[in-house]
Amino acid sequence: MSKERTLRLMRISEVSDRTGLSRTTITELEKKNLFPKRVPLTKHTNGYVEAEVDDWLHYRKKLRDLNDPRLLADDSVLNADLSRGVA
């Protein structure tokens, strides 16, 4: 029997605190498929999967550590990486 990881959802204010990004920036990145998608909880409430936000932060750190030019690349390059699961 495998252990399942507990799924924890974060509200946008917590995501903003954790990433240092504004709510507007998070929303814009999400629209461009450059940030994890929110999970609808109710008609007016959404959450972000904590593990996905953490993975995104680790990906950004990896690019920084590698001095990878994709860190400053245009959105289409990052979008292609994320859609291929490069992290």
C-alpha atoms as a PDB file:
ATOM      1  CA  MET A   1       0.000   0.000   0.000  1.00  0.00           C
ATOM      2  CA  SER A   2       1.488   3.340  -1.028  1.00  0.00           C
ATOM      3  CA  LYS A   3       1.445   6.417   1.128  1.00  0.00           C
ATOM      4  CA  GLU A   4      -0.475   9.257  -0.408  1.00  0.00           C
ATOM      5  CA  ARG A   5       0.821  12.757   0.057  1.00  0.00           C
ATOM      6  CA  THR A   6      -1.641  14.974   1.891  1.00  0.00           C
ATOM      7  CA  LEU A   7      -3.166  17.466  -0.492  1.00  0.00           C
ATOM      8  CA  ARG A   8      -3.048  20.943   0.984  1.00  0.00           C
ATOM      9  CA  LEU A   9      -4.588  23.939  -0.724  1.00  0.00           C
ATOM     10  CA  MET A  10      -3.454  27.513  -0.271  1.00  0.00           C
ATOM     11  CA  ARG A  11      -5.484  30.658  -0.769  1.00  0.00           C
ATOM     12  CA  ILE A  12      -4.018  33.323  -3.045  1.00  0.00           C
ATOM     13  CA  SER A  13      -2.911  35.509  -0.130  1.00  0.00           C
ATOM     14  CA  GLU A  14      -0.738  32.671   1.178  1.00  0.00           C
ATOM     15  CA  VAL A  15       0.602  31.979  -2.324  1.00  0.00           C
ATOM     16  CA  SER A  16       1.475  35.654  -2.637  1.00  0.00           C
ATOM     17  CA  ASP A  17       3.270  35.591   0.724  1.00  0.00           C
ATOM     18  CA  ARG A  18       5.172  32.421  -0.157  1.00  0.00           C
ATOM     19  CA  THR A  19       6.280  33.523  -3.635  1.00  0.00           C
ATOM     20  CA  GLY A  20       6.689  37.243  -3.043  1.00  0.00           C
ATOM     21  CA  LEU A  21       4.542  37.877  -6.123  1.00  0.00           C
ATOM     22  CA  SER A  22       1.514  40.128  -6.224  1.00  0.00           C
ATOM     23  CA  ARG A  23      -1.923  38.658  -6.775  1.00  0.00           C
ATOM     24  CA  THR A  24      -2.000  40.335 -10.184  1.00  0.00           C
ATOM     25  CA  THR A  25       1.316  38.772 -11.220  1.00  0.00           C
ATOM     26  CA  ILE A  26       0.196  35.334 -10.058  1.00  0.00           C
ATOM     27  CA  THR A  27      -3.010  35.654 -12.073  1.00  0.00           C
ATOM     28  CA  GLU A  28      -1.153  36.870 -15.177  1.00  0.00           C
ATOM     29  CA  LEU A  29       1.384  34.024 -14.966  1.00  0.00           C
ATOM     30  CA  GLU A  30      -1.430  31.548 -14.497  1.00  0.00           C
ATOM     31  CA  LYS A  31      -3.246  32.869 -17.587  1.00  0.00           C
ATOM     32  CA  LYS A  32      -0.026  32.334 -19.591  1.00  0.00           C
ATOM     33  CA  ASN A  33       0.332  28.783 -18.205  1.00  0.00           C
ATOM     34  CA  LEU A  34       3.487  29.842 -16.353  1.00  0.00           C
ATOM     35  CA  PHE A  35       2.147  29.202 -12.864  1.00  0.00           C
ATOM     36  CA  PRO A  36       0.108  26.342 -11.385  1.00  0.00           C
ATOM     37  CA  LYS A  37      -3.615  26.501 -12.039  1.00  0.00           C
ATOM     38  CA  ARG A  38      -5.988  27.201  -9.196  1.00  0.00           C
ATOM     39  CA  VAL A  39      -8.484  24.603  -8.022  1.00  0.00           C
ATOM     40  CA  PRO A  40     -12.103  25.752  -7.821  1.00  0.00           C
ATOM     41  CA  LEU A  41     -13.508  24.953  -4.388  1.00  0.00           C
ATOM     42  CA  THR A  42     -16.828  26.769  -4.513  1.00  0.00           C
ATOM     43  CA  LYS A  43     -18.415  29.284  -6.847  1.00  0.00           C
ATOM     44  CA  HIS A  44     -16.333  32.121  -5.358  1.00  0.00           C
ATOM     45  CA  THR A  45     -13.402  30.318  -3.733  1.00  0.00           C
ATOM     46  CA  ASN A  46     -10.240  28.906  -5.267  1.00  0.00           C
ATOM     47  CA  GLY A  47      -7.079  27.370  -3.904  1.00  0.00           C
ATOM     48  CA  TYR A  48      -3.648  26.437  -5.179  1.00  0.00           C
ATOM     49  CA  VAL A  49      -2.089  23.030  -4.551  1.00  0.00           C
ATOM     50  CA  GLU A  50       0.785  23.685  -2.160  1.00  0.00           C
ATOM     51  CA  ALA A  51       3.024  21.016  -3.729  1.00  0.00           C
ATOM     52  CA  GLU A  52       2.579  22.579  -7.193  1.00  0.00           C
ATOM     53  CA  VAL A  53       3.495  26.037  -5.909  1.00  0.00           C
ATOM     54  CA  ASP A  54       6.541  24.575  -4.157  1.00  0.00           C
ATOM     55  CA  ASP A  55       7.549  22.727  -7.352  1.00  0.00           C
ATOM     56  CA  TRP A  56       7.277  25.996  -9.282  1.00  0.00           C
ATOM     57  CA  LEU A  57       9.532  27.739  -6.748  1.00  0.00           C
ATOM     58  CA  HIS A  58      12.081  24.894  -6.929  1.00  0.00           C
ATOM     59  CA  TYR A  59      12.047  25.140 -10.743  1.00  0.00           C
ATOM     60  CA  ARG A  60      12.764  28.873 -10.576  1.00  0.00           C
ATOM     61  CA  LYS A  61      15.584  28.255  -8.073  1.00  0.00           C
ATOM     62  CA  LYS A  62      17.053  25.565 -10.325  1.00  0.00           C
ATOM     63  CA  LEU A  63      17.140  28.001 -13.243  1.00  0.00           C
ATOM     64  CA  ARG A  64      18.848  30.561 -11.032  1.00  0.00           C
ATOM     65  CA  ASP A  65      21.417  28.066  -9.729  1.00  0.00           C
ATOM     66  CA  LEU A  66      22.260  26.986 -13.272  1.00  0.00           C
ATOM     67  CA  ASN A  67      22.502  30.625 -14.350  1.00  0.00           C
ATOM     68  CA  ASP A  68      20.049  29.548 -17.009  1.00  0.00           C
ATOM     69  CA  PRO A  69      19.034  32.253 -19.481  1.00  0.00           C
ATOM     70  CA  ARG A  70      15.475  30.843 -19.448  1.00  0.00           C
ATOM     71  CA  LEU A  71      15.091  32.564 -16.078  1.00  0.00           C
ATOM     72  CA  LEU A  72      14.859  35.853 -17.947  1.00  0.00           C
ATOM     73  CA  ALA A  73      13.557  34.391 -21.213  1.00  0.00           C
ATOM     74  CA  ASP A  74      10.268  35.318 -22.734  1.00  0.00           C
ATOM     75  CA  ASP A  75       7.158  33.553 -21.548  1.00  0.00           C
ATOM     76  CA  SER A  76       6.950  31.166 -24.508  1.00  0.00           C
ATOM     77  CA  VAL A  77      10.245  29.492 -23.552  1.00  0.00           C
ATOM     78  CA  LEU A  78       9.190  28.973 -19.946  1.00  0.00           C
ATOM     79  CA  ASN A  79       5.751  27.820 -21.031  1.00  0.00           C
ATOM     80  CA  ALA A  80       7.302  25.162 -23.269  1.00  0.00           C
ATOM     81  CA  ASP A  81       9.504  23.941 -20.401  1.00  0.00           C
ATOM     82  CA  LEU A  82       6.593  23.712 -17.989  1.00  0.00           C
ATOM     83  CA  SER A  83       4.320  21.941 -20.463  1.00  0.00           C
ATOM     84  CA  ARG A  84       7.046  19.320 -21.042  1.00  0.00           C
ATOM     85  CA  GLY A  85       7.481  18.893 -17.295  1.00  0.00           C
ATOM     86  CA  VAL A  86      11.055  20.220 -17.312  1.00  0.00           C
ATOM     87  CA  ALA A  87      11.782  21.144 -13.759  1.00  0.00           C
END
